[in-house]
N, C-alpha and C. Protein backbone atom coordinates (compact mmCIF):
# COMPACT_ATOMS: atom_id res chain seq x y z
N UNK A 1 99.55 132.96 113.86
CA UNK A 1 100.79 132.42 114.46
C UNK A 1 100.92 130.95 114.06
N UNK A 2 101.98 130.60 113.36
CA UNK A 2 102.18 129.16 112.98
C UNK A 2 102.44 128.29 114.21
N UNK A 3 102.04 127.04 114.08
CA UNK A 3 102.28 126.08 115.17
C UNK A 3 103.77 125.75 115.21
N UNK A 4 104.24 125.59 116.40
CA UNK A 4 105.64 125.10 116.56
C UNK A 4 105.63 123.59 116.30
N UNK A 5 106.61 123.17 115.53
CA UNK A 5 106.66 121.76 115.13
C UNK A 5 108.07 121.18 115.40
N UNK A 6 108.39 120.92 116.69
CA UNK A 6 109.73 120.40 117.03
C UNK A 6 109.98 119.09 116.39
N UNK A 7 108.93 118.33 116.01
CA UNK A 7 109.14 117.01 115.45
C UNK A 7 109.69 117.01 114.00
N UNK A 8 109.78 118.21 113.40
CA UNK A 8 110.26 118.29 112.00
C UNK A 8 111.70 118.16 111.85
N UNK A 9 112.48 118.07 112.99
CA UNK A 9 113.95 117.95 112.86
C UNK A 9 114.49 116.55 112.98
N UNK A 10 113.69 115.57 112.59
CA UNK A 10 114.14 114.18 112.58
C UNK A 10 114.73 113.89 111.16
N UNK A 11 116.02 113.75 111.06
CA UNK A 11 116.67 113.58 109.68
C UNK A 11 116.01 112.34 108.97
N UNK A 12 115.71 112.55 107.75
CA UNK A 12 115.24 111.43 106.90
C UNK A 12 113.77 110.99 107.18
N UNK A 13 113.03 111.81 107.92
CA UNK A 13 111.68 111.47 108.32
C UNK A 13 110.70 112.54 107.88
N UNK A 14 109.64 112.18 107.19
CA UNK A 14 108.57 113.10 106.84
C UNK A 14 107.40 112.74 107.79
N UNK A 15 107.06 113.69 108.64
CA UNK A 15 105.95 113.49 109.58
C UNK A 15 104.61 113.83 108.84
N UNK A 16 103.69 112.90 108.93
CA UNK A 16 102.41 113.14 108.31
C UNK A 16 101.51 113.86 109.28
N UNK A 17 101.49 115.16 109.16
CA UNK A 17 100.68 115.99 110.03
C UNK A 17 99.58 116.68 109.23
N UNK A 18 98.88 117.62 109.78
CA UNK A 18 97.75 118.26 109.12
C UNK A 18 98.27 118.95 107.82
N UNK A 19 99.40 119.57 107.86
CA UNK A 19 99.92 120.26 106.64
C UNK A 19 100.21 119.22 105.51
N UNK A 20 100.82 118.13 105.86
CA UNK A 20 101.07 117.06 104.86
C UNK A 20 99.72 116.51 104.31
N UNK A 21 98.78 116.32 105.26
CA UNK A 21 97.47 115.82 104.85
C UNK A 21 96.79 116.70 103.83
N UNK A 22 96.84 118.01 104.04
CA UNK A 22 96.25 118.92 103.10
C UNK A 22 97.00 118.87 101.74
N UNK A 23 98.31 118.82 101.81
CA UNK A 23 99.13 118.78 100.59
C UNK A 23 98.81 117.54 99.81
N UNK A 24 98.61 116.41 100.45
CA UNK A 24 98.43 115.14 99.78
C UNK A 24 97.00 114.64 99.63
N UNK A 25 96.03 115.51 99.95
CA UNK A 25 94.67 115.07 99.98
C UNK A 25 94.26 114.33 98.71
N UNK A 26 94.44 114.92 97.53
CA UNK A 26 93.99 114.29 96.29
C UNK A 26 94.81 113.10 95.93
N UNK A 27 96.14 113.12 96.22
CA UNK A 27 97.01 111.94 96.02
C UNK A 27 96.47 110.79 96.86
N UNK A 28 96.15 111.02 98.09
CA UNK A 28 95.70 109.98 98.96
C UNK A 28 94.27 109.51 98.60
N UNK A 29 93.44 110.39 98.12
CA UNK A 29 92.11 110.02 97.62
C UNK A 29 92.25 109.11 96.41
N UNK A 30 93.18 109.48 95.50
CA UNK A 30 93.45 108.63 94.30
C UNK A 30 93.81 107.23 94.81
N UNK A 31 94.72 107.16 95.77
CA UNK A 31 95.19 105.85 96.26
C UNK A 31 93.98 105.04 96.82
N UNK A 32 93.13 105.69 97.56
CA UNK A 32 91.97 105.05 98.13
C UNK A 32 91.03 104.53 97.09
N UNK A 33 91.00 105.26 95.90
CA UNK A 33 90.13 104.78 94.84
C UNK A 33 90.53 103.42 94.32
N UNK A 34 91.83 103.06 94.54
CA UNK A 34 92.29 101.77 94.04
C UNK A 34 91.79 100.54 94.89
N UNK A 35 91.00 100.86 95.90
CA UNK A 35 90.37 99.78 96.66
C UNK A 35 89.31 99.10 95.86
N UNK A 36 88.79 99.77 94.85
CA UNK A 36 87.74 99.18 93.98
C UNK A 36 88.38 98.58 92.73
N UNK A 37 87.94 97.31 92.47
CA UNK A 37 88.56 96.58 91.35
C UNK A 37 88.40 97.36 90.02
N UNK A 38 87.25 97.97 89.77
CA UNK A 38 87.03 98.65 88.54
C UNK A 38 88.02 99.82 88.35
N UNK A 39 88.37 100.47 89.48
CA UNK A 39 89.35 101.60 89.40
C UNK A 39 90.74 101.04 89.20
N UNK A 40 91.08 99.92 89.79
CA UNK A 40 92.39 99.33 89.60
C UNK A 40 92.54 98.96 88.15
N UNK A 41 91.50 98.41 87.55
CA UNK A 41 91.60 98.02 86.12
C UNK A 41 91.74 99.27 85.25
N UNK A 42 91.01 100.31 85.56
CA UNK A 42 91.11 101.55 84.75
C UNK A 42 92.51 102.14 84.91
N UNK A 43 93.05 102.14 86.09
CA UNK A 43 94.36 102.65 86.34
C UNK A 43 95.40 101.85 85.55
N UNK A 44 95.37 100.54 85.66
CA UNK A 44 96.32 99.65 84.97
C UNK A 44 96.18 99.80 83.45
N UNK A 45 95.00 100.05 82.96
CA UNK A 45 94.80 100.16 81.49
C UNK A 45 95.45 101.41 80.92
N UNK A 46 95.39 102.54 81.69
CA UNK A 46 96.00 103.78 81.23
C UNK A 46 96.30 104.65 82.42
N UNK A 47 97.42 104.49 83.02
CA UNK A 47 97.76 105.13 84.26
C UNK A 47 97.63 106.62 84.19
N UNK A 48 98.28 107.22 83.13
CA UNK A 48 98.26 108.66 82.98
C UNK A 48 96.83 109.24 82.87
N UNK A 49 95.95 108.56 82.05
CA UNK A 49 94.64 109.07 81.89
C UNK A 49 93.86 109.01 83.23
N UNK A 50 94.05 107.93 83.95
CA UNK A 50 93.37 107.84 85.26
C UNK A 50 93.86 108.87 86.23
N UNK A 51 95.17 109.09 86.27
CA UNK A 51 95.71 110.14 87.18
C UNK A 51 95.21 111.48 86.78
N UNK A 52 95.05 111.76 85.50
CA UNK A 52 94.57 113.09 85.06
C UNK A 52 93.19 113.38 85.49
N UNK A 53 92.43 112.37 85.92
CA UNK A 53 91.09 112.59 86.48
C UNK A 53 91.14 113.21 87.88
N UNK A 54 92.32 113.17 88.48
CA UNK A 54 92.47 113.68 89.85
C UNK A 54 93.18 115.05 89.86
N UNK A 55 92.73 115.96 90.71
CA UNK A 55 93.37 117.31 90.72
C UNK A 55 94.73 117.33 91.56
N UNK A 56 95.58 116.37 91.18
CA UNK A 56 96.89 116.26 91.86
C UNK A 56 97.87 117.18 91.11
N UNK A 57 98.97 117.52 91.79
CA UNK A 57 99.99 118.28 91.11
C UNK A 57 100.68 117.35 90.11
N UNK A 58 101.33 118.00 89.13
CA UNK A 58 102.10 117.21 88.12
C UNK A 58 103.22 116.42 88.81
N UNK A 59 103.79 117.04 89.86
CA UNK A 59 104.90 116.32 90.58
C UNK A 59 104.35 115.09 91.25
N UNK A 60 103.12 115.15 91.88
CA UNK A 60 102.52 114.00 92.45
C UNK A 60 102.22 112.87 91.40
N UNK A 61 101.68 113.30 90.24
CA UNK A 61 101.41 112.35 89.20
C UNK A 61 102.69 111.65 88.70
N UNK A 62 103.76 112.49 88.54
CA UNK A 62 105.01 111.90 88.03
C UNK A 62 105.59 110.90 89.09
N UNK A 63 105.47 111.26 90.35
CA UNK A 63 105.97 110.36 91.44
C UNK A 63 105.20 109.02 91.41
N UNK A 64 103.91 109.07 91.21
CA UNK A 64 103.10 107.85 91.14
C UNK A 64 103.53 107.06 89.93
N UNK A 65 103.66 107.66 88.80
CA UNK A 65 104.04 106.94 87.51
C UNK A 65 105.41 106.28 87.66
N UNK A 66 106.33 106.98 88.41
CA UNK A 66 107.65 106.45 88.63
C UNK A 66 107.71 105.47 89.79
N UNK A 67 106.60 105.33 90.51
CA UNK A 67 106.52 104.52 91.72
C UNK A 67 107.61 104.96 92.72
N UNK A 68 107.82 106.24 92.77
CA UNK A 68 108.82 106.84 93.71
C UNK A 68 108.07 107.16 94.98
N UNK A 69 107.97 106.18 95.86
CA UNK A 69 107.18 106.30 97.08
C UNK A 69 107.74 107.32 98.03
N UNK A 70 109.04 107.46 98.07
CA UNK A 70 109.66 108.48 98.95
C UNK A 70 109.25 109.87 98.44
N UNK A 71 109.18 110.11 97.17
CA UNK A 71 108.74 111.39 96.60
C UNK A 71 107.22 111.55 96.91
N UNK A 72 106.49 110.52 96.72
CA UNK A 72 105.04 110.63 97.08
C UNK A 72 104.87 111.07 98.52
N UNK A 73 105.62 110.53 99.43
CA UNK A 73 105.52 110.88 100.82
C UNK A 73 105.90 112.36 100.99
N UNK A 74 106.96 112.78 100.33
CA UNK A 74 107.41 114.18 100.48
C UNK A 74 106.28 115.14 99.91
N UNK A 75 105.52 114.62 98.96
CA UNK A 75 104.46 115.45 98.39
C UNK A 75 103.07 115.30 99.04
N UNK A 76 103.09 114.70 100.22
CA UNK A 76 101.88 114.59 101.05
C UNK A 76 101.20 113.21 101.09
N UNK A 77 101.79 112.23 100.47
CA UNK A 77 101.27 110.88 100.52
C UNK A 77 101.46 110.29 101.88
N UNK A 78 100.49 109.45 102.23
CA UNK A 78 100.52 108.70 103.53
C UNK A 78 100.84 107.28 103.14
N UNK A 79 101.78 106.67 103.79
CA UNK A 79 102.26 105.33 103.37
C UNK A 79 101.12 104.28 103.44
N UNK A 80 100.15 104.48 104.31
CA UNK A 80 99.07 103.51 104.37
C UNK A 80 98.11 103.64 103.13
N UNK A 81 98.02 104.83 102.62
CA UNK A 81 97.30 105.04 101.38
C UNK A 81 98.09 104.63 100.20
N UNK A 82 99.39 104.93 100.18
CA UNK A 82 100.28 104.57 99.09
C UNK A 82 100.39 103.05 98.92
N UNK A 83 100.17 102.33 99.99
CA UNK A 83 100.22 100.87 99.87
C UNK A 83 99.22 100.34 98.90
N UNK A 84 98.16 101.09 98.63
CA UNK A 84 97.16 100.65 97.59
C UNK A 84 97.80 100.61 96.22
N UNK A 85 98.74 101.48 95.92
CA UNK A 85 99.46 101.42 94.65
C UNK A 85 100.23 100.11 94.58
N UNK A 86 100.98 99.84 95.65
CA UNK A 86 101.80 98.61 95.69
C UNK A 86 100.90 97.37 95.51
N UNK A 87 99.73 97.36 96.22
CA UNK A 87 98.82 96.22 96.11
C UNK A 87 98.29 96.11 94.67
N UNK A 88 98.05 97.22 94.03
CA UNK A 88 97.57 97.20 92.63
C UNK A 88 98.64 96.63 91.69
N UNK A 89 99.92 96.89 92.05
CA UNK A 89 101.04 96.36 91.28
C UNK A 89 101.43 94.95 91.70
N UNK A 90 100.72 94.39 92.69
CA UNK A 90 101.01 93.02 93.15
C UNK A 90 102.22 92.92 94.06
N UNK A 91 102.52 94.04 94.71
CA UNK A 91 103.69 94.11 95.62
C UNK A 91 103.22 94.06 97.08
N UNK A 92 104.01 93.41 97.90
CA UNK A 92 103.72 93.40 99.34
C UNK A 92 104.25 94.65 99.97
N UNK A 93 103.77 94.96 101.14
CA UNK A 93 104.23 96.10 101.93
C UNK A 93 105.70 95.99 102.14
N UNK A 94 106.22 94.82 102.41
CA UNK A 94 107.65 94.56 102.62
C UNK A 94 108.43 94.92 101.38
N UNK A 95 107.94 94.54 100.21
CA UNK A 95 108.64 94.87 98.96
C UNK A 95 108.66 96.38 98.77
N UNK A 96 107.54 97.04 99.05
CA UNK A 96 107.48 98.52 98.95
C UNK A 96 108.50 99.16 99.90
N UNK A 97 108.53 98.74 101.12
CA UNK A 97 109.41 99.32 102.10
C UNK A 97 110.90 99.11 101.69
N UNK A 98 111.20 97.94 101.19
CA UNK A 98 112.56 97.65 100.73
C UNK A 98 112.94 98.61 99.59
N UNK A 99 112.00 98.88 98.65
CA UNK A 99 112.31 99.76 97.58
C UNK A 99 112.52 101.19 98.10
N UNK A 100 111.90 101.58 99.16
CA UNK A 100 112.06 102.93 99.70
C UNK A 100 113.36 103.12 100.37
N UNK A 101 114.00 102.04 100.79
CA UNK A 101 115.26 102.11 101.53
C UNK A 101 116.48 101.77 100.61
N UNK A 102 116.18 101.44 99.36
CA UNK A 102 117.28 101.11 98.44
C UNK A 102 117.77 99.68 98.66
N UNK A 103 116.94 98.87 99.38
CA UNK A 103 117.33 97.50 99.63
C UNK A 103 116.46 96.53 98.83
N UNK A 104 116.91 95.35 98.62
CA UNK A 104 116.08 94.31 98.05
C UNK A 104 115.11 93.88 99.12
N UNK A 105 114.08 93.16 98.73
CA UNK A 105 113.11 92.66 99.72
C UNK A 105 113.81 91.82 100.77
N UNK A 106 114.74 90.95 100.30
CA UNK A 106 115.46 90.08 101.19
C UNK A 106 116.33 90.84 102.17
N UNK A 107 117.04 91.88 101.70
CA UNK A 107 117.88 92.66 102.55
C UNK A 107 117.02 93.39 103.60
N UNK A 108 115.92 93.92 103.19
CA UNK A 108 115.06 94.65 104.09
C UNK A 108 114.52 93.70 105.15
N UNK A 109 114.07 92.50 104.73
CA UNK A 109 113.53 91.53 105.69
C UNK A 109 114.59 91.15 106.74
N UNK A 110 115.87 90.90 106.25
CA UNK A 110 116.98 90.55 107.18
C UNK A 110 117.26 91.66 108.15
N UNK A 111 117.18 92.92 107.72
CA UNK A 111 117.40 94.01 108.61
C UNK A 111 116.35 94.08 109.67
N UNK A 112 115.10 93.91 109.26
CA UNK A 112 114.00 93.98 110.25
C UNK A 112 114.05 92.81 111.24
N UNK A 113 114.36 91.61 110.77
CA UNK A 113 114.45 90.45 111.65
C UNK A 113 115.59 90.65 112.65
N UNK A 114 116.64 91.35 112.20
CA UNK A 114 117.77 91.57 113.09
C UNK A 114 117.55 92.76 114.05
N UNK A 115 116.35 93.29 114.02
CA UNK A 115 116.03 94.36 115.04
C UNK A 115 115.78 95.76 114.44
N UNK A 116 115.77 95.81 113.15
CA UNK A 116 115.43 97.16 112.49
C UNK A 116 116.75 97.93 112.18
N UNK A 117 116.55 99.13 111.68
CA UNK A 117 117.65 99.90 111.28
C UNK A 117 118.48 100.39 112.48
N UNK A 118 119.77 100.56 112.35
CA UNK A 118 120.57 101.00 113.44
C UNK A 118 120.23 102.42 113.94
N UNK A 119 120.38 102.69 115.17
CA UNK A 119 120.04 103.97 115.76
C UNK A 119 121.04 105.11 115.28
N UNK A 120 122.29 104.70 114.98
CA UNK A 120 123.27 105.70 114.55
C UNK A 120 122.73 106.48 113.35
N UNK A 121 122.79 107.80 113.50
CA UNK A 121 122.33 108.69 112.45
C UNK A 121 120.83 108.91 112.39
N UNK A 122 120.11 108.34 113.34
CA UNK A 122 118.67 108.48 113.38
C UNK A 122 118.12 109.29 114.53
N UNK A 123 118.96 110.16 115.07
CA UNK A 123 118.53 111.00 116.14
C UNK A 123 117.93 112.26 115.59
N UNK A 124 117.17 113.01 116.36
CA UNK A 124 116.70 114.25 115.89
C UNK A 124 117.78 115.32 115.97
N UNK A 125 117.73 116.36 115.18
CA UNK A 125 118.79 117.34 115.07
C UNK A 125 119.22 117.96 116.40
N UNK A 126 118.29 118.30 117.24
CA UNK A 126 118.62 118.92 118.51
C UNK A 126 119.12 117.99 119.60
N UNK A 127 119.09 116.67 119.34
CA UNK A 127 119.49 115.65 120.37
C UNK A 127 120.98 115.51 120.35
N UNK A 128 121.54 115.37 121.55
CA UNK A 128 122.98 115.03 121.67
C UNK A 128 123.17 113.58 121.79
N UNK A 129 124.19 113.04 121.12
CA UNK A 129 124.53 111.66 121.24
C UNK A 129 124.85 111.30 122.68
N UNK A 130 124.45 110.11 123.12
CA UNK A 130 124.81 109.66 124.43
C UNK A 130 126.29 109.36 124.54
N UNK A 131 126.85 109.69 125.68
CA UNK A 131 128.27 109.39 125.97
C UNK A 131 128.38 108.04 126.59
N UNK A 132 129.33 107.30 126.13
CA UNK A 132 129.55 105.91 126.74
C UNK A 132 130.55 106.02 127.88
C-alpha cells in the first residue's frame, strides 16, 4: 500500500522525501564528492569523464552539465547537496537561487529583502483562497 502524500500538491514545489532521496542518491553522492579539492579539480578538468564515474542517469548527468538546478531537483537532487556544484563554480547560494527563479542575483536579493516571493499562486492545490 503506497503512502499517502498530501504534500505533493504544492504547485512549483518538489518535496525531498524518501522517494526523491532514492532517485537522487548517486547525484547527491556526486555532489558531496565535490567537498574534496582533488575531486573538484578532476571535475573541472573534465566534467563528463568525472560524471561518468557515477552511476547516475543520463538525464541527471545532462542536468549537471547544463547547471539546470531545477531539473536536478526534479531528478532527485537535494538543494543542499547541489550547492556543492555552485561552490565548485564559484557561485554563491544566492546566485544559484536567482538562477533557479529566472532572476538575476540582484533581483533575487531585492525580492528576498522585500519579504520573499508573493503568496499569490503559491497555495497548495486543495486549498481555497481566503475571502477578503
